[in-house]
Protein backbone atom coordinates (compact mmCIF):
# COMPACT_ATOMS: atom_id res chain seq x y z
CA MET A 1 28.86 -7.51 2.09
CA ARG A 2 31.54 -10.14 2.80
CA LEU A 3 34.18 -7.42 2.92
CA SER A 4 32.18 -5.04 5.14
CA SER A 5 33.80 -6.08 8.44
CA ALA A 6 37.33 -5.77 6.95
CA ILE A 7 36.56 -2.34 5.50
CA GLU A 8 35.03 -1.20 8.79
CA ARG A 9 38.20 -2.29 10.70
CA GLU A 10 40.46 -0.44 8.28
CA VAL A 11 38.39 2.76 8.44
CA LYS A 12 38.41 2.65 12.27
CA ALA A 13 42.17 2.10 12.23
CA LEU A 14 42.69 5.12 9.97
CA VAL A 15 40.10 7.40 11.66
CA PRO A 16 39.47 6.26 15.24
CA ASN A 17 36.93 9.04 16.00
CA TRP A 18 34.76 8.17 12.99
CA PRO A 19 31.15 7.57 14.05
CA ALA A 20 29.66 4.12 13.62
CA PHE A 21 28.36 3.37 10.19
CA GLN A 22 26.44 0.60 8.56
CA PHE A 23 27.13 -0.96 5.18
CA ARG A 24 24.26 -1.38 2.76
CA THR A 25 23.98 -2.79 -0.70
CA LEU A 26 22.90 -0.51 -3.52
CA ASP A 27 19.46 -2.13 -3.56
CA GLU A 28 19.04 -1.55 0.19
CA GLY A 29 20.11 2.06 -0.22
CA LEU A 30 17.63 2.61 -3.03
CA GLN A 31 14.83 1.02 -1.01
CA LEU A 32 15.65 3.24 1.95
CA GLN A 33 15.70 6.31 -0.27
CA GLN A 34 12.30 5.44 -1.78
CA MET A 35 10.67 4.66 1.57
CA LEU A 36 9.35 8.17 2.24
CA PRO A 37 7.76 8.68 -1.21
CA ARG A 38 6.19 5.22 -0.98
CA LEU A 39 4.85 5.98 2.48
CA GLY A 40 3.36 9.23 1.18
CA ALA A 41 1.77 7.46 -1.77
CA THR A 42 0.33 4.77 0.51
CA PHE A 43 -1.04 7.44 2.84
CA LEU A 44 -2.66 9.27 -0.07
CA GLY A 45 -4.11 5.99 -1.34
CA VAL A 46 -5.64 5.23 2.06
CA LEU A 47 -7.05 8.76 2.23
CA GLY A 48 -8.48 8.30 -1.26
CA ALA A 49 -10.15 5.03 -0.22
CA PHE A 50 -11.64 6.73 2.85
CA GLY A 51 -12.85 9.57 0.64
CA LEU A 52 -14.46 7.10 -1.73
CA ALA A 53 -16.21 5.34 1.15
CA LEU A 54 -17.32 8.68 2.58
CA ALA A 55 -18.71 9.72 -0.81
CA ALA A 56 -20.63 6.44 -1.08
CA VAL A 57 -22.13 6.81 2.40
CA GLY A 58 -22.93 10.45 1.74
CA MET A 59 -24.72 9.68 -1.52
CA TYR A 60 -26.83 7.05 0.19
CA GLY A 61 -27.65 9.41 3.06
CA VAL A 62 -28.68 12.25 0.76
CA MET A 63 -30.85 10.01 -1.39
CA ALA A 64 -32.50 8.45 1.67
CA TYR A 65 -33.20 11.94 2.99
CA VAL A 66 -34.66 13.13 -0.34
CA VAL A 67 -36.89 10.08 -0.60
CA LYS A 68 -38.01 10.52 3.02
CA GLN A 69 -38.93 14.13 2.29
CA ARG A 70 -41.02 12.94 -0.67
CA THR A 71 -42.82 10.18 1.25
CA ARG A 72 -46.14 12.04 1.19
CA GLU A 73 -45.87 12.62 -2.58
CA ILE A 74 -45.01 8.96 -3.12
CA GLY A 75 -47.99 7.97 -0.96
CA ILE A 76 -50.29 10.09 -3.12
CA ARG A 77 -48.89 8.52 -6.28
CA LEU A 78 -49.42 5.03 -4.85
CA ALA A 79 -52.91 5.91 -3.55
CA ILE A 80 -54.10 7.02 -6.97
CA GLY A 81 -52.84 3.80 -8.51
CA ALA A 82 -49.35 4.44 -9.82
CA PRO A 83 -47.45 1.18 -10.28
CA ILE A 84 -44.62 0.68 -7.81
CA VAL A 85 -42.19 0.16 -10.68
CA SER A 86 -43.00 3.58 -12.14
CA VAL A 87 -42.49 5.28 -8.76
CA ILE A 88 -39.15 3.56 -8.25
CA THR A 89 -38.13 4.40 -11.83
CA LEU A 90 -39.07 8.06 -11.32
CA LEU A 91 -37.02 8.33 -8.13
CA MET A 92 -34.06 6.55 -9.68
CA LYS A 93 -34.09 8.69 -12.82
CA GLN A 94 -34.16 11.90 -10.81
CA GLY A 95 -31.47 10.69 -8.41
CA MET A 96 -29.19 9.38 -11.14
CA ALA A 97 -29.50 12.60 -13.13
CA VAL A 98 -27.99 14.49 -10.19
CA CYS A 99 -25.33 11.81 -9.72
CA LEU A 100 -24.33 11.88 -13.40
CA VAL A 101 -23.93 15.66 -13.29
CA GLY A 102 -21.81 15.25 -10.15
CA ALA A 103 -19.71 12.54 -11.83
CA ALA A 104 -19.08 14.77 -14.85
CA ILE A 105 -18.03 17.69 -12.64
CA GLY A 106 -15.85 15.38 -10.56
CA LEU A 107 -14.12 13.89 -13.60
CA GLY A 108 -13.44 17.34 -15.02
CA THR A 109 -12.01 18.55 -11.74
CA ALA A 110 -9.90 15.40 -11.38
CA LEU A 111 -8.47 15.81 -14.88
CA LEU A 112 -7.50 19.39 -14.01
CA ALA A 113 -5.91 18.27 -10.74
CA THR A 114 -3.72 15.66 -12.46
CA ARG A 115 -1.19 18.33 -13.34
CA LEU A 116 -0.62 18.98 -9.64
CA LEU A 117 -0.31 15.31 -8.76
CA ALA A 118 1.85 14.18 -11.68
CA SER A 119 5.10 14.71 -9.75
CA LEU A 120 3.89 12.46 -6.89
CA LEU A 121 3.09 9.44 -9.05
CA TYR A 122 5.61 6.68 -9.80
CA GLY A 123 5.05 4.11 -12.50
CA ILE A 124 1.61 5.38 -13.46
CA SER A 125 0.39 8.27 -15.55
CA ALA A 126 -1.52 11.09 -13.92
CA ALA A 127 -4.53 10.49 -16.17
CA ASP A 128 -4.62 6.72 -15.68
CA PRO A 129 -7.53 5.40 -17.78
CA LEU A 130 -8.24 2.51 -15.40
CA THR A 131 -8.61 4.87 -12.45
CA PHE A 132 -10.64 7.40 -14.40
CA THR A 133 -13.12 4.69 -15.42
CA ALA A 134 -13.18 2.43 -12.34
CA VAL A 135 -13.80 5.11 -9.72
CA PRO A 136 -16.72 6.84 -11.51
CA LEU A 137 -18.26 3.46 -12.35
CA PHE A 138 -17.96 2.40 -8.71
CA LEU A 139 -19.55 5.65 -7.54
CA LEU A 140 -22.34 5.35 -10.12
CA ALA A 141 -23.03 1.77 -8.98
CA ILE A 142 -23.22 3.04 -5.40
CA ALA A 143 -25.50 5.84 -6.62
CA LEU A 144 -27.78 3.26 -8.24
CA LEU A 145 -28.03 1.42 -4.94
CA ALA A 146 -28.42 4.70 -3.07
CA CYS A 147 -31.36 5.60 -5.31
CA TYR A 148 -32.95 2.16 -5.42
CA LEU A 149 -32.87 1.09 -1.77
CA PRO A 150 -34.67 4.12 -0.26
CA ALA A 151 -37.15 4.16 -3.15
CA ARG A 152 -37.89 0.48 -2.69
CA ARG A 153 -38.25 0.92 1.06
CA VAL A 154 -40.72 3.81 0.78
CA THR A 155 -42.86 2.01 -1.80
CA ARG A 156 -43.33 -0.88 0.62
CA LEU A 157 -45.21 1.44 2.96
CA ASN A 158 -48.95 1.34 3.01
CA ALA A 159 -50.30 4.29 1.00
CA VAL A 160 -52.33 5.50 4.01
CA GLU A 161 -49.21 5.43 6.22
CA ALA A 162 -47.27 7.34 3.59
CA LEU A 163 -50.00 9.99 3.39
CA ARG A 164 -49.93 10.45 7.17
CA HIS A 165 -46.14 10.82 7.17
CA GLU A 166 -45.02 14.21 8.44
């Protein structure tokens, strides 16, 4: 870089109509060349995070809706003396069964899609074990909360109120 001004003067002396140019080190040139792929990877990562958040909110919404639709049934169970723990366990088992099937289908689809994404990944394998365990575990933890919170909320209702629910 110390010689850049001398080289620029000599080039302008030899070719006066040469457009302006800027000297860069090899590292700067490599960083500039990798900027677009890195930007694309960052964009895809942000989209993935939004998708993960959307999936978590969607799971909670669906489970809350299913539990709300079953409020009358839950009221009957509570009115005839079912323990609250057994009602919550029933709702969680049924909800988690659906979520586990969805997780298995999602993992299978993701493993098939890795062949398409392999060319876009730098420094990481397409079937990264950390990603393929962390994301499903995160979604299953969210599914547990999504099953538990609406079930817990509906069991706090008075059985008579739950029976009157339309």
